[in-house]
PDB file of N, CA and C in Angstrom:
ATOM      1  N   MET A   1    -193.638 158.570 -71.674  1.00  0.00           N
ATOM      2  CA  MET A   1    -194.513 159.366 -72.526  1.00  0.00           C
ATOM      3  C   MET A   1    -194.002 159.294 -73.952  1.00  0.00           C
ATOM      4  N   LYS A   2    -194.935 159.403 -74.845  1.00  0.00           N
ATOM      5  CA  LYS A   2    -194.571 159.370 -76.256  1.00  0.00           C
ATOM      6  C   LYS A   2    -195.562 160.229 -77.045  1.00  0.00           C
ATOM      7  N   ILE A   3    -195.104 160.767 -78.158  1.00  0.00           N
ATOM      8  CA  ILE A   3    -195.980 161.547 -79.030  1.00  0.00           C
ATOM      9  C   ILE A   3    -197.005 160.604 -79.668  1.00  0.00           C
ATOM     10  N   ASN A   4    -198.257 161.007 -79.651  1.00  0.00           N
ATOM     11  CA  ASN A   4    -199.312 160.228 -80.301  1.00  0.00           C
ATOM     12  C   ASN A   4    -199.121 160.224 -81.810  1.00  0.00           C
ATOM     13  N   THR A   5    -199.510 159.128 -82.433  1.00  0.00           N
ATOM     14  CA  THR A   5    -199.497 159.107 -83.890  1.00  0.00           C
ATOM     15  C   THR A   5    -200.487 160.155 -84.386  1.00  0.00           C
ATOM     16  N   GLY A   6    -200.201 160.715 -85.516  1.00  0.00           N
ATOM     17  CA  GLY A   6    -201.081 161.750 -86.061  1.00  0.00           C
ATOM     18  C   GLY A   6    -200.566 163.152 -85.829  1.00  0.00           C
ATOM     19  N   PHE A   7    -199.459 163.288 -85.114  1.00  0.00           N
ATOM     20  CA  PHE A   7    -198.837 164.592 -84.917  1.00  0.00           C
ATOM     21  C   PHE A   7    -197.440 164.537 -85.508  1.00  0.00           C
ATOM     22  N   ILE A   8    -197.158 165.488 -86.393  1.00  0.00           N
ATOM     23  CA  ILE A   8    -195.853 165.492 -87.045  1.00  0.00           C
ATOM     24  C   ILE A   8    -195.200 166.867 -86.922  1.00  0.00           C
ATOM     25  N   LYS A   9    -193.884 166.853 -86.895  1.00  0.00           N
ATOM     26  CA  LYS A   9    -193.093 168.089 -86.842  1.00  0.00           C
ATOM     27  C   LYS A   9    -192.503 168.327 -88.218  1.00  0.00           C
ATOM     28  N   ARG A  10    -192.589 169.558 -88.676  1.00  0.00           N
ATOM     29  CA  ARG A  10    -192.015 169.952 -89.956  1.00  0.00           C
ATOM     30  C   ARG A  10    -191.257 171.262 -89.783  1.00  0.00           C
ATOM     31  N   PHE A  11    -190.282 171.478 -90.650  1.00  0.00           N
ATOM     32  CA  PHE A  11    -189.528 172.726 -90.665  1.00  0.00           C
ATOM     33  C   PHE A  11    -190.023 173.538 -91.854  1.00  0.00           C
ATOM     34  N   ILE A  12    -190.713 174.633 -91.562  1.00  0.00           N
ATOM     35  CA  ILE A  12    -191.336 175.450 -92.599  1.00  0.00           C
ATOM     36  C   ILE A  12    -190.944 176.905 -92.375  1.00  0.00           C
ATOM     37  N   ALA A  13    -190.371 177.517 -93.391  1.00  0.00           N
ATOM     38  CA  ALA A  13    -190.004 178.938 -93.340  1.00  0.00           C
ATOM     39  C   ALA A  13    -189.186 179.271 -92.092  1.00  0.00           C
ATOM     40  N   ASP A  14    -188.129 178.504 -91.893  1.00  0.00           N
ATOM     41  CA  ASP A  14    -187.204 178.721 -90.773  1.00  0.00           C
ATOM     42  C   ASP A  14    -187.839 178.540 -89.403  1.00  0.00           C
ATOM     43  N   GLN A  15    -188.887 177.738 -89.322  1.00  0.00           N
ATOM     44  CA  GLN A  15    -189.581 177.523 -88.048  1.00  0.00           C
ATOM     45  C   GLN A  15    -190.064 176.081 -87.967  1.00  0.00           C
ATOM     46  N   TYR A  16    -189.856 175.446 -86.808  1.00  0.00           N
ATOM     47  CA  TYR A  16    -190.437 174.127 -86.585  1.00  0.00           C
ATOM     48  C   TYR A  16    -191.894 174.296 -86.169  1.00  0.00           C
ATOM     49  N   VAL A  17    -192.758 173.500 -86.795  1.00  0.00           N
ATOM     50  CA  VAL A  17    -194.174 173.509 -86.445  1.00  0.00           C
ATOM     51  C   VAL A  17    -194.652 172.075 -86.293  1.00  0.00           C
ATOM     52  N   VAL A  18    -195.659 171.901 -85.466  1.00  0.00           N
ATOM     53  CA  VAL A  18    -196.320 170.611 -85.304  1.00  0.00           C
ATOM     54  C   VAL A  18    -197.727 170.757 -85.850  1.00  0.00           C
ATOM     55  N   VAL A  19    -198.113 169.774 -86.653  1.00  0.00           N
ATOM     56  CA  VAL A  19    -199.462 169.740 -87.203  1.00  0.00           C
ATOM     57  C   VAL A  19    -200.066 168.377 -86.926  1.00  0.00           C
ATOM     58  N   ALA A  20    -201.367 168.347 -86.867  1.00  0.00           N
ATOM     59  CA  ALA A  20    -202.094 167.090 -86.703  1.00  0.00           C
ATOM     60  C   ALA A  20    -202.544 166.628 -88.081  1.00  0.00           C
ATOM     61  N   VAL A  21    -202.448 165.315 -88.296  1.00  0.00           N
ATOM     62  CA  VAL A  21    -202.895 164.729 -89.558  1.00  0.00           C
ATOM     63  C   VAL A  21    -203.826 163.561 -89.251  1.00  0.00           C
ATOM     64  N   GLY A  22    -204.589 163.165 -90.251  1.00  0.00           N
ATOM     65  CA  GLY A  22    -205.498 162.031 -90.073  1.00  0.00           C
ATOM     66  C   GLY A  22    -206.548 162.319 -89.009  1.00  0.00           C
ATOM     67  N   GLU A  23    -206.834 161.308 -88.200  1.00  0.00           N
ATOM     68  CA  GLU A  23    -207.857 161.441 -87.164  1.00  0.00           C
ATOM     69  C   GLU A  23    -207.485 162.471 -86.101  1.00  0.00           C
ATOM     70  N   ALA A  24    -206.192 162.676 -85.874  1.00  0.00           N
ATOM     71  CA  ALA A  24    -205.759 163.665 -84.888  1.00  0.00           C
ATOM     72  C   ALA A  24    -206.199 165.070 -85.285  1.00  0.00           C
ATOM     73  N   ALA A  25    -206.353 165.304 -86.593  1.00  0.00           N
ATOM     74  CA  ALA A  25    -206.795 166.617 -87.067  1.00  0.00           C
ATOM     75  C   ALA A  25    -208.245 166.898 -86.697  1.00  0.00           C
ATOM     76  N   ASP A  26    -209.005 165.858 -86.357  1.00  0.00           N
ATOM     77  CA  ASP A  26    -210.379 166.068 -85.895  1.00  0.00           C
ATOM     78  C   ASP A  26    -210.392 166.685 -84.501  1.00  0.00           C
ATOM     79  N   VAL A  27    -209.325 166.448 -83.735  1.00  0.00           N
ATOM     80  CA  VAL A  27    -209.223 166.954 -82.369  1.00  0.00           C
ATOM     81  C   VAL A  27    -208.496 168.289 -82.334  1.00  0.00           C
ATOM     82  N   PHE A  28    -207.472 168.429 -83.179  1.00  0.00           N
ATOM     83  CA  PHE A  28    -206.658 169.655 -83.179  1.00  0.00           C
ATOM     84  C   PHE A  28    -206.394 170.065 -84.616  1.00  0.00           C
ATOM     85  N   SER A  29    -206.790 171.279 -84.969  1.00  0.00           N
ATOM     86  CA  SER A  29    -206.637 171.727 -86.350  1.00  0.00           C
ATOM     87  C   SER A  29    -205.706 172.927 -86.499  1.00  0.00           C
ATOM     88  N   GLY A  30    -204.971 173.260 -85.455  1.00  0.00           N
ATOM     89  CA  GLY A  30    -204.080 174.413 -85.523  1.00  0.00           C
ATOM     90  C   GLY A  30    -202.643 174.016 -85.760  1.00  0.00           C
ATOM     91  N   LEU A  31    -201.756 174.942 -85.461  1.00  0.00           N
ATOM     92  CA  LEU A  31    -200.318 174.725 -85.539  1.00  0.00           C
ATOM     93  C   LEU A  31    -199.714 174.987 -84.173  1.00  0.00           C
ATOM     94  N   VAL A  32    -198.671 174.251 -83.847  1.00  0.00           N
ATOM     95  CA  VAL A  32    -197.886 174.516 -82.651  1.00  0.00           C
ATOM     96  C   VAL A  32    -196.496 174.904 -83.136  1.00  0.00           C
ATOM     97  N   TYR A  33    -196.050 176.086 -82.764  1.00  0.00           N
ATOM     98  CA  TYR A  33    -194.724 176.546 -83.146  1.00  0.00           C
ATOM     99  C   TYR A  33    -193.731 176.129 -82.072  1.00  0.00           C
ATOM    100  N   LEU A  34    -192.616 175.544 -82.498  1.00  0.00           N
ATOM    101  CA  LEU A  34    -191.602 175.078 -81.569  1.00  0.00           C
ATOM    102  C   LEU A  34    -190.342 175.923 -81.686  1.00  0.00           C
ATOM    103  N   ASN A  35    -189.801 176.310 -80.551  1.00  0.00           N
ATOM    104  CA  ASN A  35    -188.486 176.939 -80.564  1.00  0.00           C
ATOM    105  C   ASN A  35    -187.440 175.826 -80.503  1.00  0.00           C
ATOM    106  N   GLU A  36    -186.189 176.196 -80.421  1.00  0.00           N
ATOM    107  CA  GLU A  36    -185.106 175.208 -80.446  1.00  0.00           C
ATOM    108  C   GLU A  36    -185.217 174.193 -79.314  1.00  0.00           C
ATOM    109  N   SER A  37    -185.486 174.667 -78.109  1.00  0.00           N
ATOM    110  CA  SER A  37    -185.550 173.745 -76.969  1.00  0.00           C
ATOM    111  C   SER A  37    -186.794 172.859 -77.022  1.00  0.00           C
ATOM    112  N   SER A  38    -187.930 173.404 -77.419  1.00  0.00           N
ATOM    113  CA  SER A  38    -189.128 172.558 -77.495  1.00  0.00           C
ATOM    114  C   SER A  38    -189.024 171.563 -78.650  1.00  0.00           C
ATOM    115  N   SER A  39    -188.320 171.909 -79.715  1.00  0.00           N
ATOM    116  CA  SER A  39    -188.076 170.966 -80.797  1.00  0.00           C
ATOM    117  C   SER A  39    -187.217 169.802 -80.305  1.00  0.00           C
ATOM    118  N   LEU A  40    -186.231 170.105 -79.480  1.00  0.00           N
ATOM    119  CA  LEU A  40    -185.396 169.070 -78.878  1.00  0.00           C
ATOM    120  C   LEU A  40    -186.230 168.143 -77.992  1.00  0.00           C
ATOM    121  N   LEU A  41    -187.094 168.723 -77.175  1.00  0.00           N
ATOM    122  CA  LEU A  41    -187.967 167.925 -76.317  1.00  0.00           C
ATOM    123  C   LEU A  41    -188.908 167.061 -77.154  1.00  0.00           C
ATOM    124  N   TRP A  42    -189.461 167.630 -78.201  1.00  0.00           N
ATOM    125  CA  TRP A  42    -190.353 166.882 -79.089  1.00  0.00           C
ATOM    126  C   TRP A  42    -189.637 165.640 -79.625  1.00  0.00           C
ATOM    127  N   ASP A  43    -188.414 165.833 -80.101  1.00  0.00           N
ATOM    128  CA  ASP A  43    -187.657 164.711 -80.653  1.00  0.00           C
ATOM    129  C   ASP A  43    -187.421 163.624 -79.609  1.00  0.00           C
ATOM    130  N   ARG A  44    -187.175 164.012 -78.377  1.00  0.00           N
ATOM    131  CA  ARG A  44    -186.981 163.026 -77.312  1.00  0.00           C
ATOM    132  C   ARG A  44    -188.285 162.279 -77.010  1.00  0.00           C
ATOM    133  N   LEU A  45    -189.398 163.006 -77.068  1.00  0.00           N
ATOM    134  CA  LEU A  45    -190.694 162.371 -76.814  1.00  0.00           C
ATOM    135  C   LEU A  45    -191.069 161.368 -77.904  1.00  0.00           C
ATOM    136  N   LEU A  46    -190.554 161.546 -79.091  1.00  0.00           N
ATOM    137  CA  LEU A  46    -190.833 160.584 -80.162  1.00  0.00           C
ATOM    138  C   LEU A  46    -190.350 159.190 -79.795  1.00  0.00           C
ATOM    139  N   SER A  47    -189.292 159.126 -78.998  1.00  0.00           N
ATOM    140  CA  SER A  47    -188.755 157.818 -78.619  1.00  0.00           C
ATOM    141  C   SER A  47    -189.173 157.396 -77.218  1.00  0.00           C
ATOM    142  N   GLY A  48    -190.076 158.152 -76.604  1.00  0.00           N
ATOM    143  CA  GLY A  48    -190.630 157.738 -75.316  1.00  0.00           C
ATOM    144  C   GLY A  48    -189.841 158.186 -74.104  1.00  0.00           C
ATOM    145  N   ALA A  49    -189.462 159.431 -74.042  1.00  0.00           N
ATOM    146  CA  ALA A  49    -188.690 159.964 -72.916  1.00  0.00           C
ATOM    147  C   ALA A  49    -189.575 160.197 -71.691  1.00  0.00           C
ATOM    148  N   SER A  50    -188.957 160.095 -70.526  1.00  0.00           N
ATOM    149  CA  SER A  50    -189.647 160.422 -69.272  1.00  0.00           C
ATOM    150  C   SER A  50    -189.453 161.908 -68.970  1.00  0.00           C
ATOM    151  N   VAL A  51    -190.196 162.402 -68.004  1.00  0.00           N
ATOM    152  CA  VAL A  51    -190.025 163.790 -67.576  1.00  0.00           C
ATOM    153  C   VAL A  51    -188.590 164.015 -67.121  1.00  0.00           C
ATOM    154  N   GLU A  52    -188.046 163.075 -66.386  1.00  0.00           N
ATOM    155  CA  GLU A  52    -186.673 163.201 -65.894  1.00  0.00           C
ATOM    156  C   GLU A  52    -185.678 163.288 -67.055  1.00  0.00           C
ATOM    157  N   ASP A  53    -185.903 162.493 -68.107  1.00  0.00           N
ATOM    158  CA  ASP A  53    -185.041 162.546 -69.293  1.00  0.00           C
ATOM    159  C   ASP A  53    -185.101 163.925 -69.944  1.00  0.00           C
ATOM    160  N   LEU A  54    -186.303 164.468 -70.048  1.00  0.00           N
ATOM    161  CA  LEU A  54    -186.482 165.772 -70.681  1.00  0.00           C
ATOM    162  C   LEU A  54    -185.803 166.881 -69.877  1.00  0.00           C
ATOM    163  N   VAL A  55    -185.951 166.823 -68.572  1.00  0.00           N
ATOM    164  CA  VAL A  55    -185.300 167.817 -67.715  1.00  0.00           C
ATOM    165  C   VAL A  55    -183.782 167.715 -67.872  1.00  0.00           C
ATOM    166  N   SER A  56    -183.264 166.512 -67.868  1.00  0.00           N
ATOM    167  CA  SER A  56    -181.816 166.306 -67.997  1.00  0.00           C
ATOM    168  C   SER A  56    -181.274 166.858 -69.305  1.00  0.00           C
ATOM    169  N   VAL A  57    -182.002 166.633 -70.395  1.00  0.00           N
ATOM    170  CA  VAL A  57    -181.502 167.121 -71.677  1.00  0.00           C
ATOM    171  C   VAL A  57    -181.470 168.645 -71.718  1.00  0.00           C
ATOM    172  N   LEU A  58    -182.434 169.299 -71.089  1.00  0.00           N
ATOM    173  CA  LEU A  58    -182.406 170.765 -71.044  1.00  0.00           C
ATOM    174  C   LEU A  58    -181.252 171.269 -70.182  1.00  0.00           C
ATOM    175  N   VAL A  59    -181.055 170.641 -69.027  1.00  0.00           N
ATOM    176  CA  VAL A  59    -179.955 171.041 -68.138  1.00  0.00           C
ATOM    177  C   VAL A  59    -178.619 170.861 -68.855  1.00  0.00           C
ATOM    178  N   ASP A  60    -178.434 169.724 -69.505  1.00  0.00           N
ATOM    179  CA  ASP A  60    -177.165 169.429 -70.178  1.00  0.00           C
ATOM    180  C   ASP A  60    -176.928 170.289 -71.406  1.00  0.00           C
ATOM    181  N   THR A  61    -177.988 170.573 -72.159  1.00  0.00           N
ATOM    182  CA  THR A  61    -177.845 171.300 -73.419  1.00  0.00           C
ATOM    183  C   THR A  61    -177.768 172.811 -73.228  1.00  0.00           C
ATOM    184  N   TYR A  62    -178.543 173.343 -72.303  1.00  0.00           N
ATOM    185  CA  TYR A  62    -178.662 174.793 -72.183  1.00  0.00           C
ATOM    186  C   TYR A  62    -178.075 175.360 -70.895  1.00  0.00           C
ATOM    187  N   ASP A  63    -177.499 174.520 -70.061  1.00  0.00           N
ATOM    188  CA  ASP A  63    -176.859 174.985 -68.830  1.00  0.00           C
ATOM    189  C   ASP A  63    -177.821 175.836 -68.001  1.00  0.00           C
ATOM    190  N   VAL A  64    -179.026 175.312 -67.794  1.00  0.00           N
ATOM    191  CA  VAL A  64    -180.013 175.954 -66.932  1.00  0.00           C
ATOM    192  C   VAL A  64    -180.149 175.128 -65.660  1.00  0.00           C
ATOM    193  N   SER A  65    -180.735 175.715 -64.644  1.00  0.00           N
ATOM    194  CA  SER A  65    -180.907 175.000 -63.384  1.00  0.00           C
ATOM    195  C   SER A  65    -181.962 173.904 -63.537  1.00  0.00           C
ATOM    196  N   GLN A  66    -181.914 172.957 -62.647  1.00  0.00           N
ATOM    197  CA  GLN A  66    -182.890 171.865 -62.612  1.00  0.00           C
ATOM    198  C   GLN A  66    -184.306 172.428 -62.453  1.00  0.00           C
ATOM    199  N   ASP A  67    -184.465 173.439 -61.608  1.00  0.00           N
ATOM    200  CA  ASP A  67    -185.790 174.029 -61.371  1.00  0.00           C
ATOM    201  C   ASP A  67    -186.346 174.695 -62.622  1.00  0.00           C
ATOM    202  N   VAL A  68    -185.509 175.449 -63.317  1.00  0.00           N
ATOM    203  CA  VAL A  68    -185.950 176.120 -64.545  1.00  0.00           C
ATOM    204  C   VAL A  68    -186.301 175.084 -65.603  1.00  0.00           C
ATOM    205  N   ALA A  69    -185.442 174.083 -65.773  1.00  0.00           N
ATOM    206  CA  ALA A  69    -185.691 173.035 -66.764  1.00  0.00           C
ATOM    207  C   ALA A  69    -186.974 172.273 -66.442  1.00  0.00           C
ATOM    208  N   SER A  70    -187.181 171.958 -65.177  1.00  0.00           N
ATOM    209  CA  SER A  70    -188.378 171.231 -64.767  1.00  0.00           C
ATOM    210  C   SER A  70    -189.641 172.040 -65.061  1.00  0.00           C
ATOM    211  N   ALA A  71    -189.624 173.313 -64.751  1.00  0.00           N
ATOM    212  CA  ALA A  71    -190.783 174.171 -65.026  1.00  0.00           C
ATOM    213  C   ALA A  71    -191.052 174.260 -66.523  1.00  0.00           C
ATOM    214  N   ASP A  72    -189.992 174.391 -67.313  1.00  0.00           N
ATOM    215  CA  ASP A  72    -190.156 174.471 -68.766  1.00  0.00           C
ATOM    216  C   ASP A  72    -190.722 173.173 -69.331  1.00  0.00           C
ATOM    217  N   VAL A  73    -190.226 172.046 -68.857  1.00  0.00           N
ATOM    218  CA  VAL A  73    -190.727 170.746 -69.322  1.00  0.00           C
ATOM    219  C   VAL A  73    -192.199 170.593 -68.963  1.00  0.00           C
ATOM    220  N   MET A  74    -192.565 170.939 -67.747  1.00  0.00           N
ATOM    221  CA  MET A  74    -193.968 170.796 -67.341  1.00  0.00           C
ATOM    222  C   MET A  74    -194.878 171.710 -68.152  1.00  0.00           C
ATOM    223  N   ASP A  75    -194.427 172.914 -68.469  1.00  0.00           N
ATOM    224  CA  ASP A  75    -195.208 173.815 -69.324  1.00  0.00           C
ATOM    225  C   ASP A  75    -195.395 173.210 -70.718  1.00  0.00           C
ATOM    226  N   PHE A  76    -194.315 172.663 -71.268  1.00  0.00           N
ATOM    227  CA  PHE A  76    -194.375 172.060 -72.601  1.00  0.00           C
ATOM    228  C   PHE A  76    -195.318 170.862 -72.615  1.00  0.00           C
ATOM    229  N   ILE A  77    -195.203 170.012 -71.629  1.00  0.00           N
ATOM    230  CA  ILE A  77    -196.078 168.841 -71.545  1.00  0.00           C
ATOM    231  C   ILE A  77    -197.534 169.270 -71.403  1.00  0.00           C
ATOM    232  N   SER A  78    -197.776 170.300 -70.627  1.00  0.00           N
ATOM    233  CA  SER A  78    -199.133 170.817 -70.456  1.00  0.00           C
ATOM    234  C   SER A  78    -199.715 171.285 -71.794  1.00  0.00           C
ATOM    235  N   GLU A  79    -198.897 171.983 -72.581  1.00  0.00           N
ATOM    236  CA  GLU A  79    -199.350 172.442 -73.895  1.00  0.00           C
ATOM    237  C   GLU A  79    -199.652 171.262 -74.811  1.00  0.00           C
ATOM    238  N   LEU A  80    -198.810 170.243 -74.777  1.00  0.00           N
ATOM    239  CA  LEU A  80    -199.048 169.073 -75.617  1.00  0.00           C
ATOM    240  C   LEU A  80    -200.259 168.280 -75.143  1.00  0.00           C
ATOM    241  N   ASN A  81    -200.468 168.228 -73.840  1.00  0.00           N
ATOM    242  CA  ASN A  81    -201.666 167.566 -73.311  1.00  0.00           C
ATOM    243  C   ASN A  81    -202.930 168.270 -73.789  1.00  0.00           C
ATOM    244  N   ALA A  82    -202.887 169.586 -73.858  1.00  0.00           N
ATOM    245  CA  ALA A  82    -204.060 170.356 -74.257  1.00  0.00           C
ATOM    246  C   ALA A  82    -204.517 170.025 -75.680  1.00  0.00           C
ATOM    247  N   ILE A  83    -203.580 169.585 -76.534  1.00  0.00           N
ATOM    248  CA  ILE A  83    -203.955 169.237 -77.911  1.00  0.00           C
ATOM    249  C   ILE A  83    -203.988 167.720 -78.114  1.00  0.00           C
ATOM    250  N   HIS A  84    -203.867 166.978 -77.015  1.00  0.00           N
ATOM    251  CA  HIS A  84    -203.915 165.507 -77.045  1.00  0.00           C
ATOM    252  C   HIS A  84    -202.785 164.895 -77.868  1.00  0.00           C
ATOM    253  N   ALA A  85    -201.591 165.498 -77.777  1.00  0.00           N
ATOM    254  CA  ALA A  85    -200.443 165.028 -78.550  1.00  0.00           C
ATOM    255  C   ALA A  85    -199.578 164.014 -77.811  1.00  0.00           C
ATOM    256  N   ILE A  86    -199.845 163.776 -76.529  1.00  0.00           N
ATOM    257  CA  ILE A  86    -199.005 162.866 -75.748  1.00  0.00           C
ATOM    258  C   ILE A  86    -199.787 161.634 -75.318  1.00  0.00           C
ATOM    259  N   ASP A  87    -199.117 160.492 -75.474  1.00  0.00           N
ATOM    260  CA  ASP A  87    -199.626 159.223 -74.954  1.00  0.00           C
ATOM    261  C   ASP A  87    -198.830 158.927 -73.696  1.00  0.00           C
ATOM    262  N   HIS A  88    -199.476 158.993 -72.553  1.00  0.00           N
ATOM    263  CA  HIS A  88    -198.798 158.804 -71.270  1.00  0.00           C
ATOM    264  C   HIS A  88    -198.600 157.333 -70.906  1.00  0.00           C
ATOM    265  N   GLU A  89    -199.194 156.440 -71.652  1.00  0.00           N
ATOM    266  CA  GLU A  89    -199.126 155.025 -71.306  1.00  0.00           C
ATOM    267  C   GLU A  89    -197.934 154.314 -71.907  1.00  0.00           C
ATOM    268  N   GLN A  90    -197.181 154.959 -72.737  1.00  0.00           N
ATOM    269  CA  GLN A  90    -196.017 154.307 -73.346  1.00  0.00           C
ATOM    270  C   GLN A  90    -194.758 154.633 -72.603  1.00  0.00           C
TER     271      GLN A  90
END
């Protein structure tokens, strides 16, 4: 999986946000606020991480169980799918 072009992360007023630009803004015109862990996942998705990679980084970074990390990753991916921010073919 990889982040679709047209979605960018910025740090604004002590908060990471994702915005759509260009043609992606025709599909999604809001903001997505990222906490520390979702910002980490976003960065991994920029380089084409798998679900397993994302779960591993949460387990290693935050010392959470595999089940908790897996549920969090699936929730995050679901949110990104809803705004068409993920390309599953890469």
